[in-house]
Protein backbone atom coordinates (compact mmCIF):
# COMPACT_ATOMS: atom_id res chain seq x y z
CA UNK A 1 22.76 -22.32 -2.02
CA UNK A 2 19.70 -24.52 -2.28
CA UNK A 3 16.28 -23.29 -3.40
CA UNK A 4 15.04 -22.88 0.16
CA UNK A 5 18.12 -20.83 1.05
CA UNK A 6 17.65 -18.65 -2.02
CA UNK A 7 14.04 -17.94 -1.07
CA UNK A 8 15.03 -16.96 2.47
CA UNK A 9 17.81 -14.70 1.15
CA UNK A 10 15.38 -13.13 -1.34
CA UNK A 11 12.75 -12.51 1.36
CA UNK A 12 15.34 -10.97 3.68
CA UNK A 13 16.41 -8.60 0.89
CA UNK A 14 12.80 -7.59 0.30
CA UNK A 15 12.23 -7.02 4.02
CA UNK A 16 15.41 -4.96 4.31
CA UNK A 17 14.53 -2.81 1.31
CA UNK A 18 11.05 -2.16 2.73
CA UNK A 19 12.52 -1.27 6.12
CA UNK A 20 15.06 1.01 4.44
CA UNK A 21 12.30 2.71 2.43
CA UNK A 22 10.19 3.15 5.58
CA UNK A 23 13.17 4.77 7.33
CA UNK A 24 13.74 7.12 4.39
CA UNK A 25 10.04 7.99 4.30
CA UNK A 26 10.08 8.59 8.04
CA UNK A 27 13.07 10.94 7.79
CA UNK A 28 11.39 12.78 4.91
CA UNK A 29 8.21 13.11 6.99
CA UNK A 30 10.19 14.48 9.93
CA UNK A 31 11.93 17.13 7.84
CA UNK A 32 8.63 17.98 6.15
CA UNK A 33 7.05 18.44 9.60
CA UNK A 34 9.88 20.72 10.69
CA UNK A 35 9.56 22.80 7.54
CA UNK A 36 5.79 23.05 8.01
CA UNK A 37 6.27 24.11 11.63
CA UNK A 38 8.71 26.81 10.53
CA UNK A 39 6.24 28.10 7.94
CA UNK A 40 3.42 28.13 10.51
CA UNK A 41 5.64 30.13 12.85
CA UNK A 42 6.49 32.61 10.09
CA UNK A 43 2.80 32.93 9.22
CA UNK A 44 1.93 33.52 12.86
CA UNK A 45 4.57 36.25 13.14
CA UNK A 46 3.16 37.86 10.01
CA UNK A 47 -0.35 37.80 11.48
CA UNK A 48 0.95 39.38 14.69
CA UNK A 49 2.76 42.13 12.79
CA UNK A 50 -0.35 42.98 10.79
CA UNK A 51 -3.19 42.56 13.28
CA UNK A 52 -5.06 45.77 13.99
CA UNK A 53 -8.12 44.53 15.84
CA UNK A 54 -7.48 44.67 19.61
CA UNK A 55 -9.59 41.55 20.09
CA UNK A 56 -7.16 39.56 17.95
CA UNK A 57 -3.89 40.70 19.52
CA UNK A 58 -4.00 38.07 22.29
CA UNK A 59 -4.79 35.41 19.70
CA UNK A 60 -1.84 36.51 17.56
CA UNK A 61 0.53 36.49 20.54
CA UNK A 62 -0.63 33.01 21.56
CA UNK A 63 -0.30 31.73 17.98
CA UNK A 64 3.29 33.03 17.69
CA UNK A 65 4.25 31.52 21.03
CA UNK A 66 2.65 28.13 20.29
CA UNK A 67 4.09 27.77 16.80
CA UNK A 68 7.56 28.82 17.95
CA UNK A 69 7.49 26.23 20.73
CA UNK A 70 6.41 23.49 18.33
CA UNK A 71 9.19 24.39 15.88
CA UNK A 72 11.91 24.51 18.53
CA UNK A 73 10.63 21.26 20.06
CA UNK A 74 10.92 19.45 16.71
CA UNK A 75 14.41 20.85 16.15
CA UNK A 76 15.53 19.69 19.60
CA UNK A 77 14.11 16.23 18.95
CA UNK A 78 15.91 15.83 15.63
CA UNK A 79 19.18 17.14 17.11
CA UNK A 80 18.99 14.78 20.07
CA UNK A 81 18.09 11.82 17.88
CA UNK A 82 14.83 11.13 19.75
CA UNK A 83 12.59 11.66 16.76
CA UNK A 84 13.33 8.38 15.00
């Protein structure tokens, strides 16, 4: 291979490794988001189970419902392959 060909090959390898790293980072971010959503849902359920102030019961119910929906949405997206 000539020098020009070597440079092109080298640049393609760099581009591919960056793309591969971005994909790995993206997958890590997705799983991190799912784990965070699960923790938020667990925290919301804990708040609901421990709330004693009647003014906060509706808030706790809404928080549980919203965090559960976010978590299940992310799971469905990863399972269907739409999240990438």
